[in-house]
C-alpha atoms as a PDB file:
ATOM      1  CA  MET A   1      88.655  59.757  96.424  1.00  0.00           C
ATOM      2  CA  GLY A   2      92.080  61.378  96.324  1.00  0.00           C
ATOM      3  CA  SER A   3      92.223  60.988  92.551  1.00  0.00           C
ATOM      4  CA  CYS A   4      88.868  62.757  92.165  1.00  0.00           C
ATOM      5  CA  HIS A   5      90.062  65.646  94.301  1.00  0.00           C
ATOM      6  CA  LEU A   6      93.251  66.000  92.258  1.00  0.00           C
ATOM      7  CA  GLU A   7      91.293  65.995  89.006  1.00  0.00           C
ATOM      8  CA  PHE A   8      88.922  68.630  90.373  1.00  0.00           C
ATOM      9  CA  TRP A   9      91.660  71.023  91.482  1.00  0.00           C
ATOM     10  CA  SER A  10      93.758  70.532  88.359  1.00  0.00           C
ATOM     11  CA  SER A  11      90.770  71.396  86.171  1.00  0.00           C
ATOM     12  CA  LEU A  12      89.576  74.321  88.295  1.00  0.00           C
ATOM     13  CA  GLN A  13      89.913  77.612  86.482  1.00  0.00           C
ATOM     14  CA  ILE A  14      90.145  80.434  88.996  1.00  0.00           C
ATOM     15  CA  PRO A  15      88.643  83.584  87.469  1.00  0.00           C
ATOM     16  CA  ARG A  16      90.364  86.957  87.442  1.00  0.00           C
ATOM     17  CA  TYR A  17      89.147  90.273  88.707  1.00  0.00           C
ATOM     18  CA  ASN A  18      88.440  92.628  85.809  1.00  0.00           C
ATOM     19  CA  VAL A  19      91.077  95.229  86.649  1.00  0.00           C
ATOM     20  CA  THR A  20      92.908  97.661  84.401  1.00  0.00           C
ATOM     21  CA  LYS A  21      95.892  99.548  85.762  1.00  0.00           C
ATOM     22  CA  GLU A  22      94.372 102.915  84.873  1.00  0.00           C
ATOM     23  CA  ARG A  23      91.444 102.148  87.187  1.00  0.00           C
ATOM     24  CA  ILE A  24      93.491 101.105  90.213  1.00  0.00           C
ATOM     25  CA  GLU A  25      93.304 103.837  92.846  1.00  0.00           C
ATOM     26  CA  LEU A  26      96.074 104.165  95.428  1.00  0.00           C
ATOM     27  CA  VAL A  27      95.163 105.884  98.711  1.00  0.00           C
ATOM     28  CA  MET A  28      98.103 106.640 100.998  1.00  0.00           C
ATOM     29  CA  ILE A  29      98.379 107.697 104.616  1.00  0.00           C
ATOM     30  CA  VAL A  30     101.967 108.479 105.521  1.00  0.00           C
ATOM     31  CA  ASN A  31     102.674 109.295 109.153  1.00  0.00           C
ATOM     32  CA  GLU A  32     106.266 110.481 109.114  1.00  0.00           C
ATOM     33  CA  LYS A  33     106.384 113.166 111.822  1.00  0.00           C
ATOM     34  CA  PHE A  34     105.085 112.492 115.310  1.00  0.00           C
ATOM     35  CA  THR A  35     104.296 115.025 118.003  1.00  0.00           C
ATOM     36  CA  ASP A  36     104.663 112.676 120.978  1.00  0.00           C
ATOM     37  CA  ASN A  37     107.677 110.745 122.234  1.00  0.00           C
ATOM     38  CA  PHE A  38     108.237 108.940 118.931  1.00  0.00           C
ATOM     39  CA  SER A  39     111.114 109.499 116.545  1.00  0.00           C
ATOM     40  CA  ASN A  40     110.261 110.587 113.024  1.00  0.00           C
ATOM     41  CA  ARG A  41     110.088 108.042 110.192  1.00  0.00           C
ATOM     42  CA  PRO A  42     111.936 109.643 107.247  1.00  0.00           C
ATOM     43  CA  TRP A  43     111.815 106.455 105.148  1.00  0.00           C
ATOM     44  CA  ALA A  44     107.992 106.581 104.994  1.00  0.00           C
ATOM     45  CA  THR A  45     107.982 109.268 102.294  1.00  0.00           C
ATOM     46  CA  GLU A  46     110.379 107.257 100.150  1.00  0.00           C
ATOM     47  CA  ASP A  47     108.173 104.171 100.479  1.00  0.00           C
ATOM     48  CA  ALA A  48     105.145 106.193  99.361  1.00  0.00           C
ATOM     49  CA  ALA A  49     107.024 107.618  96.388  1.00  0.00           C
ATOM     50  CA  ARG A  50     108.069 104.125  95.300  1.00  0.00           C
ATOM     51  CA  LEU A  51     104.484 102.845  95.383  1.00  0.00           C
ATOM     52  CA  LYS A  52     103.167 105.942  93.606  1.00  0.00           C
ATOM     53  CA  ALA A  53     105.725 105.478  90.834  1.00  0.00           C
ATOM     54  CA  TYR A  54     104.449 101.947  90.272  1.00  0.00           C
ATOM     55  CA  PHE A  55     100.695 102.500  90.435  1.00  0.00           C
ATOM     56  CA  GLY A  56     100.618 105.969  88.902  1.00  0.00           C
ATOM     57  CA  SER A  57      96.986 106.818  89.699  1.00  0.00           C
ATOM     58  CA  CYS A  58      97.070 108.264  93.176  1.00  0.00           C
ATOM     59  CA  GLN A  59      95.541 110.986  95.250  1.00  0.00           C
ATOM     60  CA  LYS A  60      97.971 113.274  97.021  1.00  0.00           C
ATOM     61  CA  PRO A  61      99.272 111.299 100.025  1.00  0.00           C
ATOM     62  CA  LYS A  62      97.731 112.376 103.301  1.00  0.00           C
ATOM     63  CA  SER A  63     100.449 113.042 105.841  1.00  0.00           C
ATOM     64  CA  ASN A  64     100.669 112.964 109.606  1.00  0.00           C
ATOM     65  CA  LEU A  65      97.028 112.211 110.414  1.00  0.00           C
ATOM     66  CA  ASN A  66      95.502 111.429 113.780  1.00  0.00           C
ATOM     67  CA  ALA A  67      93.102 108.492 114.187  1.00  0.00           C
ATOM     68  CA  SER A  68      89.981 110.548 113.491  1.00  0.00           C
ATOM     69  CA  GLN A  69      91.457 111.934 110.275  1.00  0.00           C
ATOM     70  CA  MET A  70      92.489 108.446 109.153  1.00  0.00           C
ATOM     71  CA  ARG A  71      88.968 107.183 109.794  1.00  0.00           C
ATOM     72  CA  GLU A  72      87.479 109.979 107.695  1.00  0.00           C
ATOM     73  CA  THR A  73      89.913 109.202 104.889  1.00  0.00           C
ATOM     74  CA  PHE A  74      88.690 105.608 104.751  1.00  0.00           C
ATOM     75  CA  LYS A  75      85.069 106.754 104.703  1.00  0.00           C
ATOM     76  CA  HIS A  76      85.659 108.750 101.533  1.00  0.00           C
ATOM     77  CA  VAL A  77      87.845 106.548  99.357  1.00  0.00           C
ATOM     78  CA  PRO A  78      87.176 106.649  95.589  1.00  0.00           C
ATOM     79  CA  THR A  79      84.577 104.158  94.351  1.00  0.00           C
ATOM     80  CA  ASP A  80      84.436 104.607  90.566  1.00  0.00           C
ATOM     81  CA  ILE A  81      87.377 102.247  90.199  1.00  0.00           C
ATOM     82  CA  ASP A  82      88.280  98.612  89.487  1.00  0.00           C
ATOM     83  CA  CYS A  83      90.530  98.120  92.505  1.00  0.00           C
ATOM     84  CA  LEU A  84      91.441 100.008  95.677  1.00  0.00           C
ATOM     85  CA  VAL A  85      94.951  99.855  97.130  1.00  0.00           C
ATOM     86  CA  VAL A  86      95.393 101.385 100.591  1.00  0.00           C
ATOM     87  CA  PHE A  87      98.887 102.075 101.927  1.00  0.00           C
ATOM     88  CA  VAL A  88      99.275 103.005 105.585  1.00  0.00           C
ATOM     89  CA  SER A  89     102.698 103.799 106.990  1.00  0.00           C
ATOM     90  CA  SER A  90     102.899 104.602 110.684  1.00  0.00           C
ATOM     91  CA  TYR A  91     103.876 103.311 114.074  1.00  0.00           C
ATOM     92  CA  GLY A  92     101.605 100.682 115.543  1.00  0.00           C
ATOM     93  CA  GLN A  93     100.593  98.935 118.702  1.00  0.00           C
ATOM     94  CA  PRO A  94      98.966  95.507 118.967  1.00  0.00           C
ATOM     95  CA  GLY A  95      95.988  95.549 116.569  1.00  0.00           C
ATOM     96  CA  ARG A  96      96.241  99.300 116.008  1.00  0.00           C
ATOM     97  CA  VAL A  97      97.784 102.038 113.913  1.00  0.00           C
ATOM     98  CA  LEU A  98      99.000 105.094 115.802  1.00  0.00           C
ATOM     99  CA  GLY A  99      98.002 108.568 114.736  1.00  0.00           C
ATOM    100  CA  ALA A 100     100.754 111.111 114.182  1.00  0.00           C
ATOM    101  CA  ASP A 101      99.803 112.727 117.489  1.00  0.00           C
ATOM    102  CA  GLY A 102     101.256 109.613 119.141  1.00  0.00           C
ATOM    103  CA  GLY A 103      98.167 109.096 121.274  1.00  0.00           C
ATOM    104  CA  SER A 104      95.138 108.409 119.093  1.00  0.00           C
ATOM    105  CA  GLN A 105      94.755 104.953 117.602  1.00  0.00           C
ATOM    106  CA  LEU A 106      92.791 103.326 114.798  1.00  0.00           C
ATOM    107  CA  THR A 107      92.325  99.575 114.869  1.00  0.00           C
ATOM    108  CA  VAL A 108      93.037  97.510 111.789  1.00  0.00           C
ATOM    109  CA  ALA A 109      89.606  95.990 112.351  1.00  0.00           C
ATOM    110  CA  GLU A 110      87.871  99.354 112.086  1.00  0.00           C
ATOM    111  CA  MET A 111      89.927 100.323 109.064  1.00  0.00           C
ATOM    112  CA  LEU A 112      88.654  97.317 107.138  1.00  0.00           C
ATOM    113  CA  ASP A 113      85.116  97.677 108.416  1.00  0.00           C
ATOM    114  CA  VAL A 114      84.832 101.322 107.332  1.00  0.00           C
ATOM    115  CA  VAL A 115      85.932 100.475 103.781  1.00  0.00           C
ATOM    116  CA  ASN A 116      83.838  97.293 103.552  1.00  0.00           C
ATOM    117  CA  GLU A 117      80.693  99.175 104.610  1.00  0.00           C
ATOM    118  CA  ASN A 118      80.922 101.165 101.374  1.00  0.00           C
ATOM    119  CA  GLU A 119      78.428  99.368  99.124  1.00  0.00           C
ATOM    120  CA  ALA A 120      79.923 100.942  96.004  1.00  0.00           C
ATOM    121  CA  LEU A 121      83.037  98.808  96.561  1.00  0.00           C
ATOM    122  CA  ALA A 122      81.132  95.525  96.819  1.00  0.00           C
ATOM    123  CA  GLY A 123      82.829  92.820  94.785  1.00  0.00           C
ATOM    124  CA  LYS A 124      85.833  95.026  94.004  1.00  0.00           C
ATOM    125  CA  PRO A 125      89.244  93.919  95.294  1.00  0.00           C
ATOM    126  CA  CYS A 126      90.683  96.064  98.076  1.00  0.00           C
ATOM    127  CA  VAL A 127      94.328  95.623  99.027  1.00  0.00           C
ATOM    128  CA  PHE A 128      95.601  96.984 102.344  1.00  0.00           C
ATOM    129  CA  ILE A 129      99.381  97.381 102.626  1.00  0.00           C
ATOM    130  CA  LEU A 130     100.356  98.101 106.226  1.00  0.00           C
ATOM    131  CA  GLN A 131     103.932  99.256 106.803  1.00  0.00           C
ATOM    132  CA  THR A 132     103.856  99.368 110.581  1.00  0.00           C
ATOM    133  CA  CYS A 133     105.564  97.736 113.521  1.00  0.00           C
ATOM    134  CA  ASP A 134     103.964  95.701 116.270  1.00  0.00           C
ATOM    135  CA  ILE A 135     100.487  95.187 114.824  1.00  0.00           C
ATOM    136  CA  SER A 136      98.912  92.101 116.327  1.00  0.00           C
ATOM    137  CA  SER A 137      96.534  89.721 114.624  1.00  0.00           C
ATOM    138  CA  MET A 138      93.880  91.426 112.527  1.00  0.00           C
ATOM    139  CA  ILE A 139      91.477  88.663 113.305  1.00  0.00           C
ATOM    140  CA  ALA A 140      92.098  88.609 117.037  1.00  0.00           C
ATOM    141  CA  GLN A 141      90.283  90.769 119.544  1.00  0.00           C
ATOM    142  CA  ALA A 142      90.301  94.508 118.980  1.00  0.00           C
ATOM    143  CA  ASP A 143      88.079  97.128 120.479  1.00  0.00           C
ATOM    144  CA  GLY A 144      87.528  99.170 117.318  1.00  0.00           C
ATOM    145  CA  GLY A 145      89.047 102.443 118.522  1.00  0.00           C
ATOM    146  CA  ASN A 146      86.614 105.129 119.565  1.00  0.00           C
ATOM    147  CA  ASN A 147      83.598 103.069 118.510  1.00  0.00           C
ATOM    148  CA  ASN A 148      84.181 100.406 121.182  1.00  0.00           C
ATOM    149  CA  LYS A 149      83.692  97.703 118.607  1.00  0.00           C
ATOM    150  CA  ASP A 150      84.661  94.315 120.015  1.00  0.00           C
ATOM    151  CA  THR A 151      84.994  92.354 116.783  1.00  0.00           C
ATOM    152  CA  TRP A 152      84.910  92.848 113.074  1.00  0.00           C
ATOM    153  CA  THR A 153      83.275  90.765 110.428  1.00  0.00           C
ATOM    154  CA  ILE A 154      83.828  90.476 106.713  1.00  0.00           C
ATOM    155  CA  PRO A 155      80.712  91.085 104.609  1.00  0.00           C
ATOM    156  CA  SER A 156      80.072  88.466 101.940  1.00  0.00           C
ATOM    157  CA  THR A 157      80.760  91.162  99.365  1.00  0.00           C
ATOM    158  CA  ALA A 158      84.203  92.026 100.761  1.00  0.00           C
ATOM    159  CA  ASP A 159      87.124  90.999  98.562  1.00  0.00           C
ATOM    160  CA  ASN A 160      90.070  92.007 100.722  1.00  0.00           C
ATOM    161  CA  LEU A 161      93.772  91.278 100.902  1.00  0.00           C
ATOM    162  CA  VAL A 162      95.603  92.564 103.967  1.00  0.00           C
ATOM    163  CA  VAL A 163      99.394  92.531 103.905  1.00  0.00           C
ATOM    164  CA  GLN A 164     101.386  93.294 107.040  1.00  0.00           C
ATOM    165  CA  SER A 165     105.010  94.329 106.883  1.00  0.00           C
ATOM    166  CA  LEU A 166     105.814  92.288 109.950  1.00  0.00           C
ATOM    167  CA  TYR A 167     104.495  89.373 111.924  1.00  0.00           C
ATOM    168  CA  PRO A 168     102.129  90.545 114.714  1.00  0.00           C
ATOM    169  CA  GLY A 169     103.792  91.684 117.878  1.00  0.00           C
ATOM    170  CA  GLU A 170     107.319  91.929 116.508  1.00  0.00           C
ATOM    171  CA  ASN A 171     109.537  94.976 116.070  1.00  0.00           C
ATOM    172  CA  GLY A 172     111.009  95.706 112.669  1.00  0.00           C
ATOM    173  CA  LEU A 173     114.605  95.528 111.541  1.00  0.00           C
ATOM    174  CA  ASP A 174     114.472  98.119 108.819  1.00  0.00           C
ATOM    175  CA  LYS A 175     114.250 101.330 110.771  1.00  0.00           C
ATOM    176  CA  HIS A 176     117.167 102.778 108.845  1.00  0.00           C
ATOM    177  CA  PRO A 177     116.967 105.910 106.698  1.00  0.00           C
ATOM    178  CA  GLY A 178     115.972 105.749 103.064  1.00  0.00           C
ATOM    179  CA  HIS A 179     113.553 102.874 102.666  1.00  0.00           C
ATOM    180  CA  SER A 180     111.880  99.915 104.276  1.00  0.00           C
ATOM    181  CA  SER A 181     112.884  96.398 103.272  1.00  0.00           C
ATOM    182  CA  PHE A 182     109.273  95.294 102.851  1.00  0.00           C
ATOM    183  CA  ILE A 183     108.120  98.030 100.456  1.00  0.00           C
ATOM    184  CA  THR A 184     111.364  97.787  98.496  1.00  0.00           C
ATOM    185  CA  ALA A 185     110.912  94.037  98.042  1.00  0.00           C
ATOM    186  CA  LEU A 186     107.226  94.434  97.158  1.00  0.00           C
ATOM    187  CA  CYS A 187     107.873  97.081  94.505  1.00  0.00           C
ATOM    188  CA  CYS A 188     110.783  95.108  93.036  1.00  0.00           C
ATOM    189  CA  GLU A 189     108.625  92.011  92.635  1.00  0.00           C
ATOM    190  CA  MET A 190     105.729  93.977  91.110  1.00  0.00           C
ATOM    191  CA  GLU A 191     108.070  95.771  88.719  1.00  0.00           C
ATOM    192  CA  ASP A 192     109.637  92.456  87.674  1.00  0.00           C
ATOM    193  CA  ASN A 193     106.172  91.084  86.885  1.00  0.00           C
ATOM    194  CA  VAL A 194     106.096  92.955  83.571  1.00  0.00           C
ATOM    195  CA  ASP A 195     103.949  90.415  81.757  1.00  0.00           C
ATOM    196  CA  LYS A 196     101.396  90.330  84.622  1.00  0.00           C
ATOM    197  CA  SER A 197     101.720  86.552  84.800  1.00  0.00           C
ATOM    198  CA  LYS A 198     101.727  86.438  88.602  1.00  0.00           C
ATOM    199  CA  ASP A 199      98.793  87.426  90.775  1.00  0.00           C
ATOM    200  CA  ILE A 200      99.265  89.419  93.978  1.00  0.00           C
ATOM    201  CA  ARG A 201      99.351  86.379  96.252  1.00  0.00           C
ATOM    202  CA  HIS A 202     102.093  84.812  94.143  1.00  0.00           C
ATOM    203  CA  ILE A 203     103.991  88.090  94.292  1.00  0.00           C
ATOM    204  CA  MET A 204     103.686  88.197  98.080  1.00  0.00           C
ATOM    205  CA  THR A 205     105.175  84.705  98.317  1.00  0.00           C
ATOM    206  CA  ARG A 206     108.133  85.937  96.290  1.00  0.00           C
ATOM    207  CA  VAL A 207     108.437  89.012  98.543  1.00  0.00           C
ATOM    208  CA  ILE A 208     108.641  86.798 101.621  1.00  0.00           C
ATOM    209  CA  ALA A 209     111.256  84.559  99.956  1.00  0.00           C
ATOM    210  CA  ARG A 210     113.309  87.600  98.907  1.00  0.00           C
ATOM    211  CA  MET A 211     113.292  89.060 102.420  1.00  0.00           C
ATOM    212  CA  LYS A 212     114.167  85.692 103.954  1.00  0.00           C
ATOM    213  CA  ASP A 213     117.217  85.473 101.670  1.00  0.00           C
ATOM    214  CA  GLU A 214     118.276  89.028 102.531  1.00  0.00           C
ATOM    215  CA  ILE A 215     117.991  88.378 106.245  1.00  0.00           C
ATOM    216  CA  GLU A 216     120.057  85.199 106.006  1.00  0.00           C
ATOM    217  CA  GLU A 217     122.677  86.841 103.787  1.00  0.00           C
ATOM    218  CA  GLU A 218     123.135  89.607 106.350  1.00  0.00           C
ATOM    219  CA  HIS A 219     123.453  87.032 109.161  1.00  0.00           C
ATOM    220  CA  ILE A 220     120.626  88.687 111.037  1.00  0.00           C
ATOM    221  CA  ARG A 221     119.370  85.266 111.973  1.00  0.00           C
ATOM    222  CA  GLU A 222     122.297  84.892 114.380  1.00  0.00           C
ATOM    223  CA  THR A 223     120.811  87.589 116.604  1.00  0.00           C
ATOM    224  CA  TRP A 224     117.157  87.095 115.642  1.00  0.00           C
ATOM    225  CA  PRO A 225     116.464  83.344 115.983  1.00  0.00           C
ATOM    226  CA  SER A 226     112.748  83.631 115.191  1.00  0.00           C
ATOM    227  CA  LEU A 227     113.323  84.405 111.530  1.00  0.00           C
ATOM    228  CA  MET A 228     109.770  83.774 110.411  1.00  0.00           C
ATOM    229  CA  LYS A 229     108.509  86.461 112.775  1.00  0.00           C
ATOM    230  CA  LEU A 230     110.486  89.051 110.823  1.00  0.00           C
ATOM    231  CA  LEU A 231     108.755  88.337 107.529  1.00  0.00           C
ATOM    232  CA  PRO A 232     105.551  89.871 106.118  1.00  0.00           C
ATOM    233  CA  ILE A 233     102.262  88.030 106.424  1.00  0.00           C
ATOM    234  CA  GLN A 234      99.112  88.192 104.328  1.00  0.00           C
ATOM    235  CA  VAL A 235      95.475  87.499 105.065  1.00  0.00           C
ATOM    236  CA  SER A 236      93.461  87.004 101.891  1.00  0.00           C
ATOM    237  CA  MET A 237      89.709  87.049 101.372  1.00  0.00           C
ATOM    238  CA  LEU A 238      90.086  87.415  97.603  1.00  0.00           C
ATOM    239  CA  THR A 239      87.845  85.092  95.601  1.00  0.00           C
ATOM    240  CA  LYS A 240      89.596  85.591  92.255  1.00  0.00           C
ATOM    241  CA  GLN A 241      93.088  86.135  90.950  1.00  0.00           C
ATOM    242  CA  LEU A 242      94.247  89.744  91.189  1.00  0.00           C
ATOM    243  CA  PHE A 243      96.857  91.077  88.773  1.00  0.00           C
ATOM    244  CA  LEU A 244      98.266  94.499  89.576  1.00  0.00           C
END
């Protein structure tokens, strides 16, 4: 039985999404300045610029949005594309992204639901890159923001990859000016993948390994024993290989 399984998996050819770089659309929400009792996030703009330089095709980043404005942005993402990449940089609370007003919140659940309800994106890969602190499990309970939605479901047509900059419920280490460790590592690995031989999930594994090495080299582990909680996580519902 084991031999049959090995033969099956070794012969399985996982298809690729039909994606050309010119038809990858990057949508960015960058909450850098907050009006409540939160310090500003000057590195967020640098992170956005780094991603824009890699992907090229990008709408003008939307800055300092409240939850309602973020929701509207997700309702009107481009659809005449091969692949959608969403970058959200903000503060967060468990299961939520904070608006720049410091009070309004948008759940990660609702964010995905709003995009997945767009039938024009059915079967197209959508990648969500969340550079936030203290976001709890995307699959755990969340009330859906202002819509009082208790849970979220993934339509059969949804091909999503959600990447979090930090394990749920943990605070980040890289709140220093200039850049975030996660986006820097992600862009470095994508830029090194010149021949497009590695799909996005392979790249994310390399990002995690790179950040683990950096943390250990800087002896951060001595003061942060739970090393794995400082590393990015990914939740993938992709059904094919995705090369960006």
